[in-house]
Amino acid sequence: MMLGTLAQHESPKRILDAGAGCGVLGLMMAQRYPKAQITCMEVDEKAADECSNNVESSPFRERIHVIQGDLLAPLTSQFDLIVSNPPYYFTDNSSSPGNNLQKHSTSVEFSAWIRACYSLLSTHGTYWMIYPSNQEHVIEGLTRANNFHESMKHVLLNQHQQAVRIISAYTKHASPRTEANFSLRNQDGTYSDSYLELTKEFHSKTPIR
């Protein structure tokens, strides 16, 4: 939810949800940017089918294209905005093959992922990614090694004011960098007012059809 609300670009014509899963990010992008064409790419066949079903039952189906395949496979277009919740645990010790595919990666594989996103990003585009805070130094090194420049960092805090996730924005050109903390929950575990206010347009009492 937070990545979908914070990821931004002035006027994106083409948006890529890289590793789309069930398609939530792609649908959020379609809602926020009504003039953009969105591509959702997901390697897992079951998740891609679920993504397709969610897109078909949405009011944005004419602007969203779902691809079941590897991000490293060649695409013919470049994108002004890329959003991604990539496989970020650098180990092969996972509970199941599906979990390994969705959440686990080697540093070599992740570096290839970053290179692919770099090549798919337009010259003045922005790549937004969410990842666990305990992977910050690894990801910082890999993005820098692949010529990305971090332009913005949002540190997401839990009810104990501990960092749990980071959302970073990357560009192909160096620019002044900004950083901000964001509290997701109050001390009693309920969602913070700032979180509810930021995400309010994506909470609906009745499903969007």
N, C-alpha and C. Protein backbone atom coordinates (compact mmCIF):
# COMPACT_ATOMS: atom_id res chain seq x y z
N MET A 1 0.82 -1.21 0.00
CA MET A 1 0.00 0.00 0.00
C MET A 1 0.86 1.27 0.00
N MET A 2 1.90 1.30 0.85
CA MET A 2 2.72 2.50 0.97
C MET A 2 3.49 2.79 -0.31
N LEU A 3 4.03 1.76 -0.94
CA LEU A 3 4.76 1.97 -2.19
C LEU A 3 3.82 2.56 -3.25
N GLY A 4 2.61 2.04 -3.32
CA GLY A 4 1.65 2.54 -4.30
C GLY A 4 1.24 3.97 -4.07
N THR A 5 1.27 4.43 -2.84
CA THR A 5 0.88 5.82 -2.56
C THR A 5 2.04 6.79 -2.67
N LEU A 6 3.26 6.32 -2.39
CA LEU A 6 4.41 7.22 -2.39
C LEU A 6 5.11 7.32 -3.75
N ALA A 7 5.07 6.24 -4.54
CA ALA A 7 5.74 6.26 -5.84
C ALA A 7 5.13 7.35 -6.71
N GLN A 8 5.98 8.16 -7.31
CA GLN A 8 5.45 9.28 -8.09
C GLN A 8 6.35 9.63 -9.27
N HIS A 9 5.72 10.25 -10.24
CA HIS A 9 6.38 10.81 -11.41
C HIS A 9 5.48 11.93 -11.91
N GLU A 10 6.05 12.95 -12.48
CA GLU A 10 5.27 14.12 -12.85
C GLU A 10 4.12 13.80 -13.80
N SER A 11 4.41 13.07 -14.85
CA SER A 11 3.35 12.71 -15.81
C SER A 11 3.76 11.47 -16.59
N PRO A 12 3.72 10.31 -15.95
CA PRO A 12 4.17 9.08 -16.63
C PRO A 12 3.20 8.64 -17.72
N LYS A 13 3.77 8.28 -18.86
CA LYS A 13 2.96 7.73 -19.94
C LYS A 13 2.91 6.21 -19.88
N ARG A 14 4.02 5.62 -19.43
CA ARG A 14 4.10 4.17 -19.32
C ARG A 14 4.65 3.82 -17.94
N ILE A 15 3.98 2.87 -17.27
CA ILE A 15 4.35 2.45 -15.92
C ILE A 15 4.52 0.93 -15.92
N LEU A 16 5.56 0.47 -15.26
CA LEU A 16 5.81 -0.97 -15.11
C LEU A 16 5.72 -1.36 -13.65
N ASP A 17 4.90 -2.37 -13.37
CA ASP A 17 4.88 -3.02 -12.07
C ASP A 17 5.71 -4.29 -12.22
N ALA A 18 6.95 -4.23 -11.75
CA ALA A 18 7.91 -5.32 -11.95
C ALA A 18 7.81 -6.31 -10.79
N GLY A 19 7.39 -7.54 -11.10
CA GLY A 19 7.13 -8.51 -10.06
C GLY A 19 5.77 -8.21 -9.46
N ALA A 20 4.74 -8.22 -10.30
CA ALA A 20 3.44 -7.64 -9.95
C ALA A 20 2.65 -8.42 -8.92
N GLY A 21 2.95 -9.71 -8.74
CA GLY A 21 2.13 -10.51 -7.83
C GLY A 21 0.68 -10.52 -8.28
N CYS A 22 -0.24 -10.18 -7.36
CA CYS A 22 -1.67 -10.20 -7.71
C CYS A 22 -2.11 -8.90 -8.37
N GLY A 23 -1.21 -7.94 -8.55
CA GLY A 23 -1.52 -6.75 -9.34
C GLY A 23 -1.94 -5.52 -8.57
N VAL A 24 -1.81 -5.54 -7.24
CA VAL A 24 -2.26 -4.40 -6.43
C VAL A 24 -1.56 -3.11 -6.83
N LEU A 25 -0.25 -3.15 -6.97
CA LEU A 25 0.49 -1.93 -7.32
C LEU A 25 0.09 -1.39 -8.69
N GLY A 26 -0.05 -2.30 -9.65
CA GLY A 26 -0.46 -1.86 -10.98
C GLY A 26 -1.82 -1.20 -10.97
N LEU A 27 -2.75 -1.74 -10.20
CA LEU A 27 -4.09 -1.15 -10.09
C LEU A 27 -4.05 0.20 -9.40
N MET A 28 -3.20 0.33 -8.40
CA MET A 28 -3.05 1.62 -7.73
C MET A 28 -2.48 2.67 -8.67
N MET A 29 -1.52 2.26 -9.50
CA MET A 29 -0.93 3.19 -10.46
C MET A 29 -1.97 3.63 -11.49
N ALA A 30 -2.81 2.69 -11.91
CA ALA A 30 -3.86 3.02 -12.87
C ALA A 30 -4.85 4.02 -12.28
N GLN A 31 -5.14 3.87 -11.00
CA GLN A 31 -6.06 4.79 -10.33
C GLN A 31 -5.44 6.18 -10.18
N ARG A 32 -4.17 6.23 -9.85
CA ARG A 32 -3.51 7.50 -9.61
C ARG A 32 -3.17 8.25 -10.90
N TYR A 33 -2.86 7.50 -11.95
CA TYR A 33 -2.42 8.12 -13.20
C TYR A 33 -3.35 7.69 -14.35
N PRO A 34 -4.47 8.37 -14.51
CA PRO A 34 -5.51 7.94 -15.47
C PRO A 34 -5.10 8.02 -16.94
N LYS A 35 -4.00 8.69 -17.25
CA LYS A 35 -3.56 8.78 -18.64
C LYS A 35 -2.44 7.79 -18.97
N ALA A 36 -2.00 7.03 -17.99
CA ALA A 36 -0.86 6.13 -18.19
C ALA A 36 -1.30 4.73 -18.62
N GLN A 37 -0.43 4.11 -19.40
CA GLN A 37 -0.57 2.69 -19.73
C GLN A 37 0.31 1.90 -18.78
N ILE A 38 -0.23 0.83 -18.21
CA ILE A 38 0.48 0.07 -17.19
C ILE A 38 0.75 -1.34 -17.66
N THR A 39 1.97 -1.81 -17.43
CA THR A 39 2.35 -3.19 -17.68
C THR A 39 2.64 -3.87 -16.36
N CYS A 40 1.98 -5.00 -16.10
CA CYS A 40 2.25 -5.80 -14.91
C CYS A 40 3.00 -7.06 -15.35
N MET A 41 4.21 -7.24 -14.86
CA MET A 41 4.99 -8.42 -15.22
C MET A 41 5.21 -9.29 -13.99
N GLU A 42 4.86 -10.57 -14.10
CA GLU A 42 4.98 -11.50 -12.98
C GLU A 42 5.45 -12.86 -13.50
N VAL A 43 6.51 -13.40 -12.89
CA VAL A 43 7.10 -14.64 -13.37
C VAL A 43 6.29 -15.87 -12.95
N ASP A 44 5.64 -15.81 -11.78
CA ASP A 44 4.90 -16.96 -11.28
C ASP A 44 3.55 -17.09 -12.00
N GLU A 45 3.28 -18.24 -12.56
CA GLU A 45 2.09 -18.42 -13.39
C GLU A 45 0.79 -18.25 -12.60
N LYS A 46 0.74 -18.81 -11.40
CA LYS A 46 -0.47 -18.70 -10.57
C LYS A 46 -0.74 -17.24 -10.18
N ALA A 47 0.32 -16.54 -9.77
CA ALA A 47 0.16 -15.13 -9.39
C ALA A 47 -0.23 -14.29 -10.59
N ALA A 48 0.35 -14.59 -11.76
CA ALA A 48 0.01 -13.84 -12.98
C ALA A 48 -1.45 -14.05 -13.36
N ASP A 49 -1.95 -15.27 -13.18
CA ASP A 49 -3.37 -15.54 -13.46
C ASP A 49 -4.27 -14.73 -12.51
N GLU A 50 -3.88 -14.68 -11.25
CA GLU A 50 -4.65 -13.89 -10.27
C GLU A 50 -4.62 -12.41 -10.63
N CYS A 51 -3.44 -11.95 -11.06
CA CYS A 51 -3.30 -10.56 -11.49
C CYS A 51 -4.23 -10.27 -12.67
N SER A 52 -4.25 -11.15 -13.64
CA SER A 52 -5.11 -10.97 -14.81
C SER A 52 -6.58 -10.91 -14.41
N ASN A 53 -6.99 -11.78 -13.49
CA ASN A 53 -8.38 -11.79 -13.03
C ASN A 53 -8.73 -10.48 -12.32
N ASN A 54 -7.80 -9.99 -11.49
CA ASN A 54 -8.05 -8.74 -10.77
C ASN A 54 -8.14 -7.56 -11.74
N VAL A 55 -7.29 -7.56 -12.74
CA VAL A 55 -7.31 -6.49 -13.74
C VAL A 55 -8.62 -6.53 -14.52
N GLU A 56 -9.05 -7.72 -14.94
CA GLU A 56 -10.26 -7.85 -15.74
C GLU A 56 -11.51 -7.42 -14.98
N SER A 57 -11.48 -7.54 -13.66
CA SER A 57 -12.65 -7.15 -12.87
C SER A 57 -12.58 -5.71 -12.40
N SER A 58 -11.57 -4.98 -12.86
CA SER A 58 -11.37 -3.58 -12.46
C SER A 58 -11.85 -2.64 -13.57
N PRO A 59 -12.04 -1.35 -13.24
CA PRO A 59 -12.41 -0.37 -14.27
C PRO A 59 -11.21 0.09 -15.10
N PHE A 60 -10.03 -0.48 -14.83
CA PHE A 60 -8.82 -0.03 -15.52
C PHE A 60 -8.30 -1.05 -16.53
N ARG A 61 -9.11 -2.06 -16.83
CA ARG A 61 -8.62 -3.18 -17.65
C ARG A 61 -8.15 -2.77 -19.03
N GLU A 62 -8.67 -1.66 -19.58
CA GLU A 62 -8.26 -1.23 -20.91
C GLU A 62 -6.87 -0.62 -20.92
N ARG A 63 -6.35 -0.27 -19.74
CA ARG A 63 -5.04 0.39 -19.68
C ARG A 63 -3.97 -0.46 -19.03
N ILE A 64 -4.29 -1.69 -18.63
CA ILE A 64 -3.32 -2.55 -17.95
C ILE A 64 -3.09 -3.81 -18.78
N HIS A 65 -1.83 -4.09 -19.04
CA HIS A 65 -1.43 -5.29 -19.78
C HIS A 65 -0.64 -6.20 -18.85
N VAL A 66 -1.07 -7.44 -18.70
CA VAL A 66 -0.41 -8.40 -17.81
C VAL A 66 0.46 -9.35 -18.62
N ILE A 67 1.71 -9.51 -18.20
CA ILE A 67 2.64 -10.42 -18.86
C ILE A 67 3.13 -11.44 -17.84
N GLN A 68 2.99 -12.72 -18.16
CA GLN A 68 3.55 -13.76 -17.32
C GLN A 68 4.92 -14.11 -17.89
N GLY A 69 5.97 -13.70 -17.19
CA GLY A 69 7.31 -13.94 -17.69
C GLY A 69 8.36 -13.31 -16.80
N ASP A 70 9.60 -13.53 -17.19
CA ASP A 70 10.75 -13.06 -16.43
C ASP A 70 11.02 -11.60 -16.76
N LEU A 71 11.30 -10.79 -15.74
CA LEU A 71 11.63 -9.39 -15.96
C LEU A 71 12.84 -9.24 -16.87
N LEU A 72 13.75 -10.22 -16.84
CA LEU A 72 14.96 -10.13 -17.64
C LEU A 72 14.70 -10.40 -19.12
N ALA A 73 13.52 -10.93 -19.43
CA ALA A 73 13.16 -11.11 -20.84
C ALA A 73 13.01 -9.74 -21.49
N PRO A 74 13.41 -9.61 -22.76
CA PRO A 74 13.39 -8.30 -23.39
C PRO A 74 11.99 -7.73 -23.56
N LEU A 75 11.84 -6.46 -23.23
CA LEU A 75 10.62 -5.72 -23.51
C LEU A 75 10.96 -4.65 -24.53
N THR A 76 9.98 -4.26 -25.33
CA THR A 76 10.26 -3.31 -26.41
C THR A 76 10.13 -1.86 -25.97
N SER A 77 9.55 -1.62 -24.80
CA SER A 77 9.29 -0.25 -24.37
C SER A 77 10.16 0.13 -23.18
N GLN A 78 10.30 1.43 -22.99
CA GLN A 78 10.86 1.96 -21.76
C GLN A 78 9.74 2.61 -20.96
N PHE A 79 9.99 2.75 -19.66
CA PHE A 79 8.95 3.18 -18.76
C PHE A 79 9.38 4.42 -17.98
N ASP A 80 8.44 5.33 -17.80
CA ASP A 80 8.70 6.56 -17.05
C ASP A 80 8.70 6.31 -15.55
N LEU A 81 7.96 5.30 -15.14
CA LEU A 81 7.84 4.96 -13.73
C LEU A 81 7.83 3.45 -13.58
N ILE A 82 8.73 2.95 -12.73
CA ILE A 82 8.77 1.52 -12.41
C ILE A 82 8.59 1.36 -10.91
N VAL A 83 7.66 0.49 -10.52
CA VAL A 83 7.46 0.19 -9.11
C VAL A 83 7.73 -1.29 -8.90
N SER A 84 8.32 -1.61 -7.73
CA SER A 84 8.73 -3.00 -7.54
C SER A 84 8.83 -3.37 -6.07
N ASN A 85 8.33 -4.55 -5.76
CA ASN A 85 8.54 -5.20 -4.47
C ASN A 85 9.28 -6.50 -4.79
N PRO A 86 10.60 -6.40 -4.98
CA PRO A 86 11.36 -7.52 -5.56
C PRO A 86 11.70 -8.61 -4.53
N PRO A 87 12.20 -9.77 -5.00
CA PRO A 87 12.74 -10.77 -4.09
C PRO A 87 13.99 -10.19 -3.43
N TYR A 88 14.01 -10.12 -2.12
CA TYR A 88 15.04 -9.32 -1.46
C TYR A 88 15.86 -10.07 -0.40
N TYR A 89 15.53 -11.34 -0.10
CA TYR A 89 16.33 -12.06 0.89
C TYR A 89 17.43 -12.82 0.17
N PHE A 90 18.66 -12.52 0.48
CA PHE A 90 19.79 -13.08 -0.27
C PHE A 90 20.25 -14.40 0.35
N THR A 91 19.41 -15.41 0.15
CA THR A 91 19.68 -16.74 0.67
C THR A 91 18.86 -17.73 -0.13
N ASP A 92 19.28 -19.00 -0.11
CA ASP A 92 18.48 -20.03 -0.78
C ASP A 92 17.73 -20.87 0.24
N ASN A 93 17.69 -20.42 1.50
CA ASN A 93 17.01 -21.15 2.55
C ASN A 93 15.59 -20.61 2.73
N SER A 94 14.63 -21.22 2.09
CA SER A 94 13.25 -20.75 2.17
C SER A 94 12.32 -21.93 2.40
N SER A 95 11.09 -21.63 2.77
CA SER A 95 10.16 -22.67 3.20
C SER A 95 9.56 -23.48 2.06
N SER A 96 9.51 -22.92 0.86
CA SER A 96 8.90 -23.60 -0.27
C SER A 96 9.43 -23.02 -1.57
N PRO A 97 9.32 -23.77 -2.69
CA PRO A 97 9.76 -23.22 -3.98
C PRO A 97 9.05 -21.92 -4.34
N GLY A 98 7.73 -21.83 -4.03
CA GLY A 98 6.99 -20.61 -4.33
C GLY A 98 7.49 -19.44 -3.52
N ASN A 99 7.74 -19.68 -2.24
CA ASN A 99 8.26 -18.62 -1.37
C ASN A 99 9.65 -18.20 -1.82
N ASN A 100 10.45 -19.17 -2.27
CA ASN A 100 11.79 -18.87 -2.75
C ASN A 100 11.72 -17.98 -3.98
N LEU A 101 10.78 -18.27 -4.88
CA LEU A 101 10.63 -17.49 -6.10
C LEU A 101 10.20 -16.07 -5.80
N GLN A 102 9.30 -15.91 -4.83
CA GLN A 102 8.72 -14.60 -4.55
C GLN A 102 9.61 -13.73 -3.68
N LYS A 103 10.36 -14.31 -2.74
CA LYS A 103 11.05 -13.50 -1.74
C LYS A 103 12.56 -13.67 -1.69
N HIS A 104 13.08 -14.73 -2.27
CA HIS A 104 14.49 -15.02 -2.11
C HIS A 104 15.27 -14.85 -3.41
N SER A 105 16.48 -14.36 -3.28
CA SER A 105 17.31 -14.08 -4.44
C SER A 105 18.77 -14.11 -4.01
N THR A 106 19.67 -14.46 -4.92
CA THR A 106 21.08 -14.28 -4.64
C THR A 106 21.46 -12.85 -5.02
N SER A 107 22.61 -12.39 -4.54
CA SER A 107 23.04 -11.04 -4.87
C SER A 107 23.29 -10.90 -6.37
N VAL A 108 23.71 -11.99 -7.01
CA VAL A 108 23.93 -11.96 -8.46
C VAL A 108 22.60 -11.79 -9.19
N GLU A 109 21.60 -12.56 -8.76
CA GLU A 109 20.27 -12.45 -9.38
C GLU A 109 19.66 -11.08 -9.15
N PHE A 110 19.84 -10.56 -7.94
CA PHE A 110 19.26 -9.26 -7.64
C PHE A 110 19.96 -8.16 -8.43
N SER A 111 21.27 -8.30 -8.61
CA SER A 111 22.00 -7.33 -9.42
C SER A 111 21.49 -7.35 -10.86
N ALA A 112 21.19 -8.54 -11.37
CA ALA A 112 20.62 -8.65 -12.72
C ALA A 112 19.24 -8.01 -12.78
N TRP A 113 18.47 -8.15 -11.71
CA TRP A 113 17.15 -7.51 -11.62
C TRP A 113 17.30 -6.00 -11.70
N ILE A 114 18.24 -5.46 -10.94
CA ILE A 114 18.47 -4.02 -10.92
C ILE A 114 18.92 -3.53 -12.30
N ARG A 115 19.79 -4.27 -12.95
CA ARG A 115 20.25 -3.90 -14.30
C ARG A 115 19.09 -3.88 -15.28
N ALA A 116 18.19 -4.86 -15.14
CA ALA A 116 17.03 -4.92 -16.03
C ALA A 116 16.14 -3.70 -15.82
N CYS A 117 15.91 -3.34 -14.57
CA CYS A 117 15.08 -2.16 -14.28
C CYS A 117 15.75 -0.90 -14.82
N TYR A 118 17.06 -0.83 -14.70
CA TYR A 118 17.79 0.33 -15.22
C TYR A 118 17.61 0.44 -16.73
N SER A 119 17.72 -0.68 -17.43
CA SER A 119 17.61 -0.65 -18.89
C SER A 119 16.19 -0.34 -19.35
N LEU A 120 15.19 -0.71 -18.53
CA LEU A 120 13.79 -0.47 -18.89
C LEU A 120 13.31 0.93 -18.51
N LEU A 121 14.11 1.65 -17.73
CA LEU A 121 13.71 2.97 -17.27
C LEU A 121 14.07 4.03 -18.30
N SER A 122 13.15 4.94 -18.57
CA SER A 122 13.43 6.02 -19.51
C SER A 122 14.47 6.98 -18.92
N THR A 123 15.02 7.82 -19.76
CA THR A 123 16.11 8.70 -19.35
C THR A 123 15.77 9.53 -18.11
N HIS A 124 14.57 10.04 -18.07
CA HIS A 124 14.15 10.88 -16.94
C HIS A 124 13.11 10.18 -16.07
N GLY A 125 13.14 8.85 -16.11
CA GLY A 125 12.19 8.08 -15.32
C GLY A 125 12.65 7.89 -13.88
N THR A 126 11.78 7.29 -13.07
CA THR A 126 12.08 7.01 -11.67
C THR A 126 11.70 5.57 -11.34
N TYR A 127 12.63 4.90 -10.66
CA TYR A 127 12.40 3.53 -10.20
C TYR A 127 12.18 3.55 -8.70
N TRP A 128 11.03 3.05 -8.27
CA TRP A 128 10.67 3.01 -6.86
C TRP A 128 10.66 1.56 -6.38
N MET A 129 11.28 1.33 -5.22
CA MET A 129 11.40 -0.03 -4.71
C MET A 129 11.20 -0.04 -3.20
N ILE A 130 10.53 -1.08 -2.68
CA ILE A 130 10.38 -1.28 -1.25
C ILE A 130 11.19 -2.51 -0.84
N TYR A 131 11.82 -2.44 0.32
CA TYR A 131 12.64 -3.55 0.79
C TYR A 131 12.77 -3.48 2.31
N PRO A 132 13.13 -4.60 2.96
CA PRO A 132 13.30 -4.60 4.42
C PRO A 132 14.47 -3.72 4.84
N SER A 133 14.34 -3.07 5.97
CA SER A 133 15.39 -2.16 6.43
C SER A 133 16.69 -2.89 6.71
N ASN A 134 16.62 -4.18 7.08
CA ASN A 134 17.85 -4.90 7.38
C ASN A 134 18.63 -5.31 6.14
N GLN A 135 18.07 -5.03 4.96
CA GLN A 135 18.78 -5.28 3.70
C GLN A 135 19.31 -3.98 3.09
N GLU A 136 19.24 -2.90 3.83
CA GLU A 136 19.56 -1.57 3.30
C GLU A 136 20.96 -1.49 2.71
N HIS A 137 21.96 -1.94 3.46
CA HIS A 137 23.34 -1.76 3.00
C HIS A 137 23.64 -2.61 1.76
N VAL A 138 23.06 -3.82 1.71
CA VAL A 138 23.26 -4.68 0.54
C VAL A 138 22.65 -4.03 -0.70
N ILE A 139 21.41 -3.60 -0.57
CA ILE A 139 20.71 -3.00 -1.71
C ILE A 139 21.34 -1.67 -2.10
N GLU A 140 21.78 -0.92 -1.13
CA GLU A 140 22.47 0.34 -1.43
C GLU A 140 23.69 0.10 -2.30
N GLY A 141 24.46 -0.93 -1.97
CA GLY A 141 25.65 -1.24 -2.76
C GLY A 141 25.32 -1.73 -4.15
N LEU A 142 24.28 -2.56 -4.28
CA LEU A 142 23.92 -3.12 -5.58
C LEU A 142 23.33 -2.06 -6.51
N THR A 143 22.51 -1.18 -5.98
CA THR A 143 21.94 -0.13 -6.83
C THR A 143 23.02 0.85 -7.30
N ARG A 144 23.93 1.18 -6.39
CA ARG A 144 25.02 2.08 -6.76
C ARG A 144 25.93 1.44 -7.81
N ALA A 145 26.20 0.15 -7.65
CA ALA A 145 27.06 -0.56 -8.60
C ALA A 145 26.44 -0.62 -9.99
N ASN A 146 25.11 -0.52 -10.05
CA ASN A 146 24.41 -0.57 -11.33
C ASN A 146 23.97 0.82 -11.81
N ASN A 147 24.66 1.84 -11.32
CA ASN A 147 24.55 3.23 -11.82
C ASN A 147 23.26 3.94 -11.45
N PHE A 148 22.52 3.42 -10.48
CA PHE A 148 21.35 4.14 -9.99
C PHE A 148 21.76 5.17 -8.95
N HIS A 149 21.04 6.30 -8.93
CA HIS A 149 21.25 7.35 -7.94
C HIS A 149 19.98 7.43 -7.08
N GLU A 150 20.13 7.26 -5.78
CA GLU A 150 18.97 7.36 -4.89
C GLU A 150 18.61 8.83 -4.72
N SER A 151 17.36 9.16 -5.03
CA SER A 151 16.92 10.55 -4.92
C SER A 151 16.01 10.79 -3.73
N MET A 152 15.39 9.72 -3.23
CA MET A 152 14.47 9.89 -2.10
C MET A 152 14.41 8.59 -1.31
N LYS A 153 14.33 8.70 0.00
CA LYS A 153 14.20 7.53 0.86
C LYS A 153 13.15 7.80 1.93
N HIS A 154 12.18 6.88 2.01
CA HIS A 154 11.16 6.92 3.06
C HIS A 154 11.42 5.73 3.99
N VAL A 155 11.70 5.99 5.24
CA VAL A 155 11.92 4.94 6.23
C VAL A 155 10.61 4.71 6.97
N LEU A 156 10.06 3.51 6.85
CA LEU A 156 8.78 3.18 7.47
C LEU A 156 9.01 2.59 8.86
N LEU A 157 8.35 3.16 9.87
CA LEU A 157 8.54 2.79 11.26
C LEU A 157 7.33 2.06 11.81
N ASN A 158 7.56 1.09 12.71
CA ASN A 158 6.46 0.41 13.37
C ASN A 158 6.03 1.16 14.63
N GLN A 159 5.17 0.55 15.45
CA GLN A 159 4.66 1.24 16.63
C GLN A 159 5.74 1.50 17.68
N HIS A 160 6.87 0.81 17.55
CA HIS A 160 7.99 1.02 18.49
C HIS A 160 9.01 2.00 17.92
N GLN A 161 8.65 2.63 16.81
CA GLN A 161 9.53 3.59 16.13
C GLN A 161 10.82 2.94 15.64
N GLN A 162 10.69 1.67 15.25
CA GLN A 162 11.80 0.93 14.66
C GLN A 162 11.58 0.82 13.16
N ALA A 163 12.65 0.97 12.41
CA ALA A 163 12.56 0.86 10.95
C ALA A 163 12.25 -0.58 10.55
N VAL A 164 11.24 -0.76 9.71
CA VAL A 164 10.87 -2.10 9.24
C VAL A 164 10.98 -2.23 7.72
N ARG A 165 10.68 -1.18 7.00
CA ARG A 165 10.77 -1.17 5.54
C ARG A 165 11.33 0.17 5.08
N ILE A 166 11.90 0.14 3.90
CA ILE A 166 12.39 1.36 3.26
C ILE A 166 11.83 1.42 1.85
N ILE A 167 11.35 2.58 1.47
CA ILE A 167 10.93 2.82 0.09
C ILE A 167 11.88 3.85 -0.49
N SER A 168 12.58 3.46 -1.54
CA SER A 168 13.57 4.35 -2.16
C SER A 168 13.21 4.63 -3.61
N ALA A 169 13.56 5.84 -4.04
CA ALA A 169 13.38 6.24 -5.44
C ALA A 169 14.75 6.41 -6.07
N TYR A 170 14.91 5.88 -7.29
CA TYR A 170 16.19 5.94 -7.99
C TYR A 170 16.01 6.54 -9.38
N THR A 171 17.02 7.27 -9.81
CA THR A 171 17.03 7.84 -11.15
C THR A 171 18.37 7.55 -11.81
N LYS A 172 18.45 7.87 -13.10
CA LYS A 172 19.69 7.66 -13.84
C LYS A 172 20.65 8.83 -13.69
N HIS A 173 20.18 9.92 -13.11
CA HIS A 173 21.01 11.11 -12.96
C HIS A 173 21.05 11.54 -11.50
N ALA A 174 22.19 12.00 -11.05
CA ALA A 174 22.34 12.45 -9.67
C ALA A 174 21.51 13.71 -9.43
N SER A 175 20.92 13.78 -8.25
CA SER A 175 20.12 14.94 -7.87
C SER A 175 20.14 15.05 -6.34
N PRO A 176 19.74 16.19 -5.78
CA PRO A 176 19.69 16.30 -4.32
C PRO A 176 18.82 15.20 -3.72
N ARG A 177 19.30 14.59 -2.65
CA ARG A 177 18.63 13.45 -2.03
C ARG A 177 17.86 13.89 -0.80
N THR A 178 16.64 13.39 -0.64
CA THR A 178 15.83 13.69 0.54
C THR A 178 15.51 12.40 1.29
N GLU A 179 15.29 12.52 2.58
CA GLU A 179 14.97 11.36 3.41
C GLU A 179 13.94 11.77 4.46
N ALA A 180 13.00 10.87 4.73
CA ALA A 180 11.96 11.16 5.72
C ALA A 180 11.54 9.86 6.41
N ASN A 181 11.13 9.98 7.66
CA ASN A 181 10.58 8.86 8.42
C ASN A 181 9.06 8.92 8.37
N PHE A 182 8.44 7.75 8.40
CA PHE A 182 6.98 7.68 8.35
C PHE A 182 6.52 6.61 9.33
N SER A 183 5.71 6.99 10.32
CA SER A 183 5.19 6.04 11.30
C SER A 183 3.92 5.39 10.78
N LEU A 184 3.96 4.07 10.65
CA LEU A 184 2.81 3.34 10.14
C LEU A 184 1.74 3.13 11.21
N ARG A 185 2.15 2.97 12.47
CA ARG A 185 1.21 2.63 13.53
C ARG A 185 1.44 3.47 14.78
N ASN A 186 0.38 3.55 15.58
CA ASN A 186 0.47 4.18 16.88
C ASN A 186 1.05 3.18 17.89
N GLN A 187 1.30 3.64 19.10
CA GLN A 187 1.88 2.78 20.12
C GLN A 187 1.00 1.59 20.47
N ASP A 188 -0.31 1.74 20.29
CA ASP A 188 -1.22 0.63 20.60
C ASP A 188 -1.40 -0.33 19.43
N GLY A 189 -0.66 -0.10 18.33
CA GLY A 189 -0.72 -1.00 17.19
C GLY A 189 -1.71 -0.62 16.12
N THR A 190 -2.57 0.36 16.37
CA THR A 190 -3.52 0.82 15.37
C THR A 190 -2.80 1.67 14.32
N TYR A 191 -3.39 1.77 13.14
CA TYR A 191 -2.78 2.57 12.09
C TYR A 191 -2.74 4.04 12.49
N SER A 192 -1.65 4.69 12.14
CA SER A 192 -1.49 6.11 12.45
C SER A 192 -2.42 6.95 11.59
N ASP A 193 -2.74 8.15 12.07
CA ASP A 193 -3.58 9.07 11.30
C ASP A 193 -2.92 9.43 9.98
N SER A 194 -1.59 9.57 9.99
CA SER A 194 -0.88 9.93 8.76
C SER A 194 -0.97 8.82 7.73
N TYR A 195 -0.92 7.56 8.19
CA TYR A 195 -1.06 6.43 7.26
C TYR A 195 -2.47 6.40 6.67
N LEU A 196 -3.47 6.55 7.53
CA LEU A 196 -4.86 6.50 7.06
C LEU A 196 -5.16 7.64 6.10
N GLU A 197 -4.61 8.81 6.37
CA GLU A 197 -4.83 9.96 5.49
C GLU A 197 -4.16 9.75 4.14
N LEU A 198 -2.93 9.22 4.15
CA LEU A 198 -2.18 9.03 2.92
C LEU A 198 -2.83 7.99 2.01
N THR A 199 -3.41 6.96 2.61
CA THR A 199 -3.93 5.84 1.82
C THR A 199 -5.45 5.85 1.68
N LYS A 200 -6.11 6.91 2.10
CA LYS A 200 -7.58 6.91 2.17
C LYS A 200 -8.26 6.68 0.83
N GLU A 201 -7.66 7.15 -0.27
CA GLU A 201 -8.32 6.99 -1.56
C GLU A 201 -8.32 5.55 -2.05
N PHE A 202 -7.53 4.68 -1.40
CA PHE A 202 -7.47 3.28 -1.81
C PHE A 202 -8.28 2.37 -0.90
N HIS A 203 -8.93 2.95 0.09
CA HIS A 203 -9.82 2.18 0.96
C HIS A 203 -11.25 2.46 0.55
N SER A 204 -11.96 1.41 0.17
CA SER A 204 -13.33 1.57 -0.30
C SER A 204 -14.26 0.67 0.52
N LYS A 205 -15.43 1.18 0.87
CA LYS A 205 -16.39 0.37 1.61
C LYS A 205 -16.98 -0.72 0.73
N THR A 206 -17.04 -0.47 -0.56
CA THR A 206 -17.53 -1.48 -1.49
C THR A 206 -16.50 -1.69 -2.57
N PRO A 207 -16.34 -2.90 -3.08
CA PRO A 207 -15.33 -3.17 -4.11
C PRO A 207 -15.55 -2.31 -5.35
N ILE A 208 -14.46 -1.87 -5.97
CA ILE A 208 -14.54 -1.11 -7.22
C ILE A 208 -14.80 -2.08 -8.37
N ARG A 209 -15.82 -1.81 -9.16
CA ARG A 209 -16.14 -2.69 -10.30
C ARG A 209 -16.32 -1.83 -11.55
